Amino acid sequence: LKTKARFESSLIPSGHAYVRNRLHAGLTTAG
């Protein structure tokens, strides 16, 4: 529950990190 809440609470403040991860996920195995 705490991990789920951490994900959801960081979604807007750290949106650029989520976009970067999603971008890289379509380009490399590590991503």
Full PDB file with SEQRES, HELIX, SHEET, SSBOND, CRYST1, ORIGX, SCALE, CONECT and MASTER records, all heavy atoms in Angstrom:
SEQRES   1 A   31  LEU LYS THR LYS ALA ARG PHE GLU SER SER LEU ILE PRO          
SEQRES   2 A   31  SER GLY HIS ALA TYR VAL ARG ASN ARG LEU HIS ALA GLY          
SEQRES   3 A   31  LEU THR THR ALA GLY                                          
HELIX    1 AA1 LYS A    2  SER A   10  1                                   9    
HELIX    2 AA2 GLY A   15  ALA A   25  1                                  11    
CRYST1    1.000    1.000    1.000  90.00  90.00  90.00 P 1           1          
ORIGX1      1.000000  0.000000  0.000000        0.00000                         
ORIGX2      0.000000  1.000000  0.000000        0.00000                         
ORIGX3      0.000000  0.000000  1.000000        0.00000                         
SCALE1      1.000000  0.000000  0.000000        0.00000                         
SCALE2      0.000000  1.000000  0.000000        0.00000                         
SCALE3      0.000000  0.000000  1.000000        0.00000                         
ATOM      1  N   LEU A   1       0.829  -1.208   0.000  1.00  0.00           N  
ATOM      2  CA  LEU A   1       0.000   0.000   0.000  1.00  0.00           C  
ATOM      3  C   LEU A   1       0.864   1.258   0.000  1.00  0.00           C  
ATOM      4  O   LEU A   1       0.556   2.234  -0.705  1.00  0.00           O  
ATOM      5  CB  LEU A   1      -0.919  -0.009   1.223  1.00  0.00           C  
ATOM      6  CG  LEU A   1      -2.088  -1.006   1.173  1.00  0.00           C  
ATOM      7  CD1 LEU A   1      -2.764  -1.114   2.531  1.00  0.00           C  
ATOM      8  CD2 LEU A   1      -3.100  -0.602   0.104  1.00  0.00           C  
ATOM      9  N   LYS A   2       1.946   1.264   0.781  1.00  0.00           N  
ATOM     10  CA  LYS A   2       2.841   2.421   0.824  1.00  0.00           C  
ATOM     11  C   LYS A   2       3.535   2.631  -0.516  1.00  0.00           C  
ATOM     12  O   LYS A   2       3.707   3.767  -0.969  1.00  0.00           O  
ATOM     13  CB  LYS A   2       3.878   2.248   1.932  1.00  0.00           C  
ATOM     14  CG  LYS A   2       3.343   2.445   3.337  1.00  0.00           C  
ATOM     15  CD  LYS A   2       4.340   2.008   4.388  1.00  0.00           C  
ATOM     16  CE  LYS A   2       5.629   2.788   4.333  1.00  0.00           C  
ATOM     17  NZ  LYS A   2       6.561   2.362   5.425  1.00  0.00           N  
ATOM     18  N   THR A   3       3.929   1.537  -1.163  1.00  0.00           N  
ATOM     19  CA  THR A   3       4.600   1.651  -2.457  1.00  0.00           C  
ATOM     20  C   THR A   3       3.634   2.181  -3.511  1.00  0.00           C  
ATOM     21  O   THR A   3       4.000   3.045  -4.328  1.00  0.00           O  
ATOM     22  CB  THR A   3       5.165   0.288  -2.885  1.00  0.00           C  
ATOM     23  OG1 THR A   3       6.041  -0.200  -1.876  1.00  0.00           O  
ATOM     24  CG2 THR A   3       5.920   0.411  -4.199  1.00  0.00           C  
ATOM     25  N   LYS A   4       2.418   1.669  -3.511  1.00  0.00           N  
ATOM     26  CA  LYS A   4       1.399   2.173  -4.431  1.00  0.00           C  
ATOM     27  C   LYS A   4       1.159   3.662  -4.201  1.00  0.00           C  
ATOM     28  O   LYS A   4       1.086   4.453  -5.166  1.00  0.00           O  
ATOM     29  CB  LYS A   4       0.103   1.383  -4.243  1.00  0.00           C  
ATOM     30  CG  LYS A   4      -1.104   1.936  -4.988  1.00  0.00           C  
ATOM     31  CD  LYS A   4      -2.313   1.048  -4.756  1.00  0.00           C  
ATOM     32  CE  LYS A   4      -3.602   1.691  -5.256  1.00  0.00           C  
ATOM     33  NZ  LYS A   4      -4.016   2.834  -4.406  1.00  0.00           N  
ATOM     34  N   ALA A   5       1.059   4.081  -2.939  1.00  0.00           N  
ATOM     35  CA  ALA A   5       0.846   5.498  -2.627  1.00  0.00           C  
ATOM     36  C   ALA A   5       2.039   6.338  -3.064  1.00  0.00           C  
ATOM     37  O   ALA A   5       1.864   7.467  -3.546  1.00  0.00           O  
ATOM     38  CB  ALA A   5       0.599   5.662  -1.132  1.00  0.00           C  
ATOM     39  N   ARG A   6       3.253   5.795  -2.921  1.00  0.00           N  
ATOM     40  CA  ARG A   6       4.450   6.526  -3.357  1.00  0.00           C  
ATOM     41  C   ARG A   6       4.432   6.743  -4.863  1.00  0.00           C  
ATOM     42  O   ARG A   6       4.732   7.837  -5.349  1.00  0.00           O  
ATOM     43  CB  ARG A   6       5.712   5.769  -2.948  1.00  0.00           C  
ATOM     44  CG  ARG A   6       7.012   6.441  -3.401  1.00  0.00           C  
ATOM     45  CD  ARG A   6       8.224   5.611  -3.043  1.00  0.00           C  
ATOM     46  NE  ARG A   6       8.236   4.324  -3.689  1.00  0.00           N  
ATOM     47  CZ  ARG A   6       8.668   4.128  -4.932  1.00  0.00           C  
ATOM     48  NH1 ARG A   6       9.089   5.136  -5.681  1.00  0.00           N  
ATOM     49  NH2 ARG A   6       8.664   2.901  -5.453  1.00  0.00           N  
ATOM     50  N   PHE A   7       4.085   5.703  -5.603  1.00  0.00           N  
ATOM     51  CA  PHE A   7       3.956   5.838  -7.056  1.00  0.00           C  
ATOM     52  C   PHE A   7       2.968   6.956  -7.403  1.00  0.00           C  
ATOM     53  O   PHE A   7       3.266   7.853  -8.200  1.00  0.00           O  
ATOM     54  CB  PHE A   7       3.464   4.533  -7.670  1.00  0.00           C  
ATOM     55  CG  PHE A   7       4.546   3.580  -8.095  1.00  0.00           C  
ATOM     56  CD1 PHE A   7       4.663   2.330  -7.501  1.00  0.00           C  
ATOM     57  CD2 PHE A   7       5.431   3.912  -9.099  1.00  0.00           C  
ATOM     58  CE1 PHE A   7       5.646   1.442  -7.892  1.00  0.00           C  
ATOM     59  CE2 PHE A   7       6.422   3.038  -9.506  1.00  0.00           C  
ATOM     60  CZ  PHE A   7       6.534   1.790  -8.891  1.00  0.00           C  
ATOM     61  N   GLU A   8       1.793   6.893  -6.813  1.00  0.00           N  
ATOM     62  CA  GLU A   8       0.722   7.816  -7.185  1.00  0.00           C  
ATOM     63  C   GLU A   8       1.016   9.245  -6.744  1.00  0.00           C  
ATOM     64  O   GLU A   8       0.707  10.195  -7.466  1.00  0.00           O  
ATOM     65  CB  GLU A   8      -0.595   7.322  -6.582  1.00  0.00           C  
ATOM     66  CG  GLU A   8      -1.056   6.012  -7.208  1.00  0.00           C  
ATOM     67  CD  GLU A   8      -2.281   5.408  -6.542  1.00  0.00           C  
ATOM     68  OE1 GLU A   8      -2.578   5.776  -5.388  1.00  0.00           O  
ATOM     69  OE2 GLU A   8      -2.933   4.563  -7.187  1.00  0.00           O  
ATOM     70  N   SER A   9       1.646   9.412  -5.582  1.00  0.00           N  
ATOM     71  CA  SER A   9       1.933  10.766  -5.109  1.00  0.00           C  
ATOM     72  C   SER A   9       3.082  11.411  -5.872  1.00  0.00           C  
ATOM     73  O   SER A   9       3.183  12.636  -5.923  1.00  0.00           O  
ATOM     74  CB  SER A   9       2.259  10.742  -3.611  1.00  0.00           C  
ATOM     75  OG  SER A   9       3.438   9.989  -3.358  1.00  0.00           O  
ATOM     76  N   SER A  10       3.958  10.604  -6.481  1.00  0.00           N  
ATOM     77  CA  SER A  10       5.098  11.155  -7.220  1.00  0.00           C  
ATOM     78  C   SER A  10       4.803  11.361  -8.695  1.00  0.00           C  
ATOM     79  O   SER A  10       5.621  11.920  -9.430  1.00  0.00           O  
ATOM     80  CB  SER A  10       6.321  10.227  -7.084  1.00  0.00           C  
ATOM     81  OG  SER A  10       6.082   8.977  -7.713  1.00  0.00           O  
ATOM     82  N   LEU A  11       3.622  10.929  -9.145  1.00  0.00           N  
ATOM     83  CA  LEU A  11       3.316  10.940 -10.575  1.00  0.00           C  
ATOM     84  C   LEU A  11       3.387  12.344 -11.164  1.00  0.00           C  
ATOM     85  O   LEU A  11       4.000  12.553 -12.223  1.00  0.00           O  
ATOM     86  CB  LEU A  11       1.923  10.348 -10.803  1.00  0.00           C  
ATOM     87  CG  LEU A  11       1.570   9.949 -12.232  1.00  0.00           C  
ATOM     88  CD1 LEU A  11       2.535   8.902 -12.746  1.00  0.00           C  
ATOM     89  CD2 LEU A  11       0.141   9.406 -12.296  1.00  0.00           C  
ATOM     90  N   ILE A  12       2.793  13.322 -10.485  1.00  0.00           N  
ATOM     91  CA  ILE A  12       2.798  14.689 -11.008  1.00  0.00           C  
ATOM     92  C   ILE A  12       4.100  15.421 -10.678  1.00  0.00           C  
ATOM     93  O   ILE A  12       4.726  15.999 -11.565  1.00  0.00           O  
ATOM     94  CB  ILE A  12       1.559  15.457 -10.522  1.00  0.00           C  
ATOM     95  CG1 ILE A  12       0.290  14.815 -11.116  1.00  0.00           C  
ATOM     96  CG2 ILE A  12       1.638  16.931 -10.905  1.00  0.00           C  
ATOM     97  CD1 ILE A  12      -1.002  15.423 -10.641  1.00  0.00           C  
ATOM     98  N   PRO A  13       4.576  15.391  -9.406  1.00  0.00           N  
ATOM     99  CA  PRO A  13       5.842  16.090  -9.127  1.00  0.00           C  
ATOM    100  C   PRO A  13       7.028  15.560  -9.927  1.00  0.00           C  
ATOM    101  O   PRO A  13       7.944  16.306 -10.262  1.00  0.00           O  
ATOM    102  CB  PRO A  13       6.041  15.855  -7.625  1.00  0.00           C  
ATOM    103  CG  PRO A  13       4.692  15.562  -7.088  1.00  0.00           C  
ATOM    104  CD  PRO A  13       3.970  14.851  -8.179  1.00  0.00           C  
ATOM    105  N   SER A  14       7.028  14.272 -10.235  1.00  0.00           N  
ATOM    106  CA  SER A  14       8.155  13.661 -10.954  1.00  0.00           C  
ATOM    107  C   SER A  14       7.736  13.161 -12.336  1.00  0.00           C  
ATOM    108  O   SER A  14       8.250  12.151 -12.825  1.00  0.00           O  
ATOM    109  CB  SER A  14       8.733  12.502 -10.131  1.00  0.00           C  
ATOM    110  OG  SER A  14       9.168  12.935  -8.867  1.00  0.00           O  
ATOM    111  N   GLY A  15       6.815  13.883 -12.961  1.00  0.00           N  
ATOM    112  CA  GLY A  15       6.307  13.453 -14.261  1.00  0.00           C  
ATOM    113  C   GLY A  15       7.384  13.287 -15.311  1.00  0.00           C  
ATOM    114  O   GLY A  15       7.311  12.392 -16.158  1.00  0.00           O  
ATOM    115  N   HIS A  16       8.418  14.136 -15.263  1.00  0.00           N  
ATOM    116  CA  HIS A  16       9.488  14.037 -16.260  1.00  0.00           C  
ATOM    117  C   HIS A  16      10.237  12.710 -16.145  1.00  0.00           C  
ATOM    118  O   HIS A  16      10.673  12.148 -17.158  1.00  0.00           O  
ATOM    119  CB  HIS A  16      10.457  15.217 -16.105  1.00  0.00           C  
ATOM    120  CG  HIS A  16      11.131  15.279 -14.777  1.00  0.00           C  
ATOM    121  ND1 HIS A  16      10.454  15.461 -13.598  1.00  0.00           N  
ATOM    122  CD2 HIS A  16      12.447  15.192 -14.439  1.00  0.00           C  
ATOM    123  CE1 HIS A  16      11.307  15.481 -12.587  1.00  0.00           C  
ATOM    124  NE2 HIS A  16      12.511  15.308 -13.075  1.00  0.00           N  
ATOM    125  N   ALA A  17      10.388  12.189 -14.908  1.00  0.00           N  
ATOM    126  CA  ALA A  17      11.072  10.904 -14.729  1.00  0.00           C  
ATOM    127  C   ALA A  17      10.227   9.766 -15.303  1.00  0.00           C  
ATOM    128  O   ALA A  17      10.759   8.834 -15.922  1.00  0.00           O  
ATOM    129  CB  ALA A  17      11.349  10.665 -13.254  1.00  0.00           C  
ATOM    130  N   TYR A  18       8.908   9.826 -15.094  1.00  0.00           N  
ATOM    131  CA  TYR A  18       8.030   8.795 -15.652  1.00  0.00           C  
ATOM    132  C   TYR A  18       8.035   8.850 -17.181  1.00  0.00           C  
ATOM    133  O   TYR A  18       8.026   7.806 -17.845  1.00  0.00           O  
ATOM    134  CB  TYR A  18       6.610   8.975 -15.120  1.00  0.00           C  
ATOM    135  CG  TYR A  18       6.431   8.490 -13.706  1.00  0.00           C  
ATOM    136  CD1 TYR A  18       6.526   9.365 -12.628  1.00  0.00           C  
ATOM    137  CD2 TYR A  18       6.173   7.149 -13.439  1.00  0.00           C  
ATOM    138  CE1 TYR A  18       6.356   8.915 -11.321  1.00  0.00           C  
ATOM    139  CE2 TYR A  18       6.007   6.690 -12.143  1.00  0.00           C  
ATOM    140  CZ  TYR A  18       6.101   7.585 -11.088  1.00  0.00           C  
ATOM    141  OH  TYR A  18       5.946   7.127  -9.806  1.00  0.00           O  
ATOM    142  N   VAL A  19       8.057  10.056 -17.744  1.00  0.00           N  
ATOM    143  CA  VAL A  19       8.112  10.193 -19.206  1.00  0.00           C  
ATOM    144  C   VAL A  19       9.431   9.642 -19.735  1.00  0.00           C  
ATOM    145  O   VAL A  19       9.457   8.924 -20.749  1.00  0.00           O  
ATOM    146  CB  VAL A  19       7.921  11.668 -19.609  1.00  0.00           C  
ATOM    147  CG1 VAL A  19       8.276  11.874 -21.080  1.00  0.00           C  
ATOM    148  CG2 VAL A  19       6.482  12.098 -19.365  1.00  0.00           C  
ATOM    149  N   ARG A  20      10.528   9.968 -19.060  1.00  0.00           N  
ATOM    150  CA  ARG A  20      11.843   9.443 -19.484  1.00  0.00           C  
ATOM    151  C   ARG A  20      11.845   7.921 -19.467  1.00  0.00           C  
ATOM    152  O   ARG A  20      12.294   7.268 -20.430  1.00  0.00           O  
ATOM    153  CB  ARG A  20      12.927   9.983 -18.558  1.00  0.00           C  
ATOM    154  CG  ARG A  20      14.347   9.471 -18.882  1.00  0.00           C  
ATOM    155  CD  ARG A  20      15.253   9.619 -17.682  1.00  0.00           C  
ATOM    156  NE  ARG A  20      14.768   8.825 -16.570  1.00  0.00           N  
ATOM    157  CZ  ARG A  20      14.863   9.195 -15.299  1.00  0.00           C  
ATOM    158  NH1 ARG A  20      15.398  10.346 -14.973  1.00  0.00           N  
ATOM    159  NH2 ARG A  20      14.397   8.402 -14.335  1.00  0.00           N  
ATOM    160  N   ASN A  21      11.347   7.322 -18.366  1.00  0.00           N  
ATOM    161  CA  ASN A  21      11.330   5.863 -18.275  1.00  0.00           C  
ATOM    162  C   ASN A  21      10.479   5.252 -19.387  1.00  0.00           C  
ATOM    163  O   ASN A  21      10.854   4.246 -20.005  1.00  0.00           O  
ATOM    164  CB  ASN A  21      10.780   5.428 -16.916  1.00  0.00           C  
ATOM    165  CG  ASN A  21      11.756   5.661 -15.781  1.00  0.00           C  
ATOM    166  OD1 ASN A  21      12.933   5.927 -16.015  1.00  0.00           O  
ATOM    167  ND2 ASN A  21      11.292   5.578 -14.554  1.00  0.00           N  
ATOM    168  N   ARG A  22       9.326   5.865 -19.626  1.00  0.00           N  
ATOM    169  CA  ARG A  22       8.429   5.333 -20.657  1.00  0.00           C  
ATOM    170  C   ARG A  22       9.052   5.468 -22.046  1.00  0.00           C  
ATOM    171  O   ARG A  22       8.932   4.578 -22.898  1.00  0.00           O  
ATOM    172  CB  ARG A  22       7.100   6.106 -20.613  1.00  0.00           C  
ATOM    173  CG  ARG A  22       5.981   5.475 -21.413  1.00  0.00           C  
ATOM    174  CD  ARG A  22       5.439   4.253 -20.704  1.00  0.00           C  
ATOM    175  NE  ARG A  22       4.351   3.629 -21.448  1.00  0.00           N  
ATOM    176  CZ  ARG A  22       3.698   2.561 -21.021  1.00  0.00           C  
ATOM    177  NH1 ARG A  22       4.010   2.005 -19.870  1.00  0.00           N  
ATOM    178  NH2 ARG A  22       2.736   2.039 -21.757  1.00  0.00           N  
ATOM    179  N   LEU A  23       9.731   6.575 -22.272  1.00  0.00           N  
ATOM    180  CA  LEU A  23      10.407   6.808 -23.548  1.00  0.00           C  
ATOM    181  C   LEU A  23      11.491   5.764 -23.774  1.00  0.00           C  
ATOM    182  O   LEU A  23      11.571   5.130 -24.833  1.00  0.00           O  
ATOM    183  CB  LEU A  23      10.998   8.217 -23.543  1.00  0.00           C  
ATOM    184  CG  LEU A  23      11.549   8.788 -24.839  1.00  0.00           C  
ATOM    185  CD1 LEU A  23      10.464   8.902 -25.893  1.00  0.00           C  
ATOM    186  CD2 LEU A  23      12.158  10.167 -24.571  1.00  0.00           C  
ATOM    187  N   HIS A  24      12.323   5.567 -22.758  1.00  0.00           N  
ATOM    188  CA  HIS A  24      13.428   4.621 -22.875  1.00  0.00           C  
ATOM    189  C   HIS A  24      12.934   3.177 -22.946  1.00  0.00           C  
ATOM    190  O   HIS A  24      13.616   2.310 -23.507  1.00  0.00           O  
ATOM    191  CB  HIS A  24      14.392   4.781 -21.695  1.00  0.00           C  
ATOM    192  CG  HIS A  24      15.159   6.055 -21.732  1.00  0.00           C  
ATOM    193  ND1 HIS A  24      16.115   6.393 -20.783  1.00  0.00           N  
ATOM    194  CD2 HIS A  24      15.136   7.097 -22.612  1.00  0.00           C  
ATOM    195  CE1 HIS A  24      16.625   7.574 -21.069  1.00  0.00           C  
ATOM    196  NE2 HIS A  24      16.049   8.023 -22.176  1.00  0.00           N  
ATOM    197  N   ALA A  25      11.752   2.915 -22.354  1.00  0.00           N  
ATOM    198  CA  ALA A  25      11.220   1.549 -22.359  1.00  0.00           C  
ATOM    199  C   ALA A  25      10.938   1.047 -23.766  1.00  0.00           C  
ATOM    200  O   ALA A  25      10.899  -0.166 -23.994  1.00  0.00           O  
ATOM    201  CB  ALA A  25       9.947   1.481 -21.523  1.00  0.00           C  
ATOM    202  N   GLY A  26      10.751   1.955 -24.701  1.00  0.00           N  
ATOM    203  CA  GLY A  26      10.515   1.546 -26.073  1.00  0.00           C  
ATOM    204  C   GLY A  26      11.774   1.481 -26.919  1.00  0.00           C  
ATOM    205  O   GLY A  26      11.694   1.224 -28.122  1.00  0.00           O  
ATOM    206  N   LEU A  27      12.945   1.706 -26.266  1.00  0.00           N  
ATOM    207  CA  LEU A  27      14.175   1.830 -27.047  1.00  0.00           C  
ATOM    208  C   LEU A  27      15.271   0.853 -26.648  1.00  0.00           C  
ATOM    209  O   LEU A  27      16.079   0.475 -27.493  1.00  0.00           O  
ATOM    210  CB  LEU A  27      14.708   3.264 -26.930  1.00  0.00           C  
ATOM    211  CG  LEU A  27      13.785   4.362 -27.479  1.00  0.00           C  
ATOM    212  CD1 LEU A  27      14.284   5.747 -27.073  1.00  0.00           C  
ATOM    213  CD2 LEU A  27      13.676   4.263 -28.989  1.00  0.00           C  
ATOM    214  N   THR A  28      15.353   0.447 -25.376  1.00  0.00           N  
ATOM    215  CA  THR A  28      16.418  -0.455 -24.929  1.00  0.00           C  
ATOM    216  C   THR A  28      15.872  -1.453 -23.910  1.00  0.00           C  
ATOM    217  O   THR A  28      14.852  -1.216 -23.263  1.00  0.00           O  
ATOM    218  CB  THR A  28      17.583   0.299 -24.261  1.00  0.00           C  
ATOM    219  OG1 THR A  28      17.142   0.859 -23.011  1.00  0.00           O  
ATOM    220  CG2 THR A  28      18.132   1.389 -25.161  1.00  0.00           C  
ATOM    221  N   THR A  29      16.605  -2.559 -23.746  1.00  0.00           N  
ATOM    222  CA  THR A  29      16.227  -3.558 -22.744  1.00  0.00           C  
ATOM    223  C   THR A  29      16.321  -2.983 -21.345  1.00  0.00           C  
ATOM    224  O   THR A  29      15.422  -3.182 -20.514  1.00  0.00           O  
ATOM    225  CB  THR A  29      17.125  -4.797 -22.860  1.00  0.00           C  
ATOM    226  OG1 THR A  29      16.964  -5.378 -24.162  1.00  0.00           O  
ATOM    227  CG2 THR A  29      16.770  -5.832 -21.802  1.00  0.00           C  
ATOM    228  N   ALA A  30      17.415  -2.256 -21.036  1.00  0.00           N  
ATOM    229  CA  ALA A  30      17.561  -1.665 -19.708  1.00  0.00           C  
ATOM    230  C   ALA A  30      16.427  -0.685 -19.422  1.00  0.00           C  
ATOM    231  O   ALA A  30      15.891  -0.641 -18.304  1.00  0.00           O  
ATOM    232  CB  ALA A  30      18.912  -0.958 -19.591  1.00  0.00           C  
ATOM    233  N   GLY A  31      16.048   0.098 -20.423  1.00  0.00           N  
ATOM    234  CA  GLY A  31      14.935   1.027 -20.248  1.00  0.00           C  
ATOM    235  C   GLY A  31      13.634   0.301 -20.010  1.00  0.00           C  
ATOM    236  O   GLY A  31      12.813   0.723 -19.185  1.00  0.00           O  
TER     237      GLY A  31                                                      
MASTER        0    0    0    2    0    0    0    6  236    1    0    3          
END                                                                             
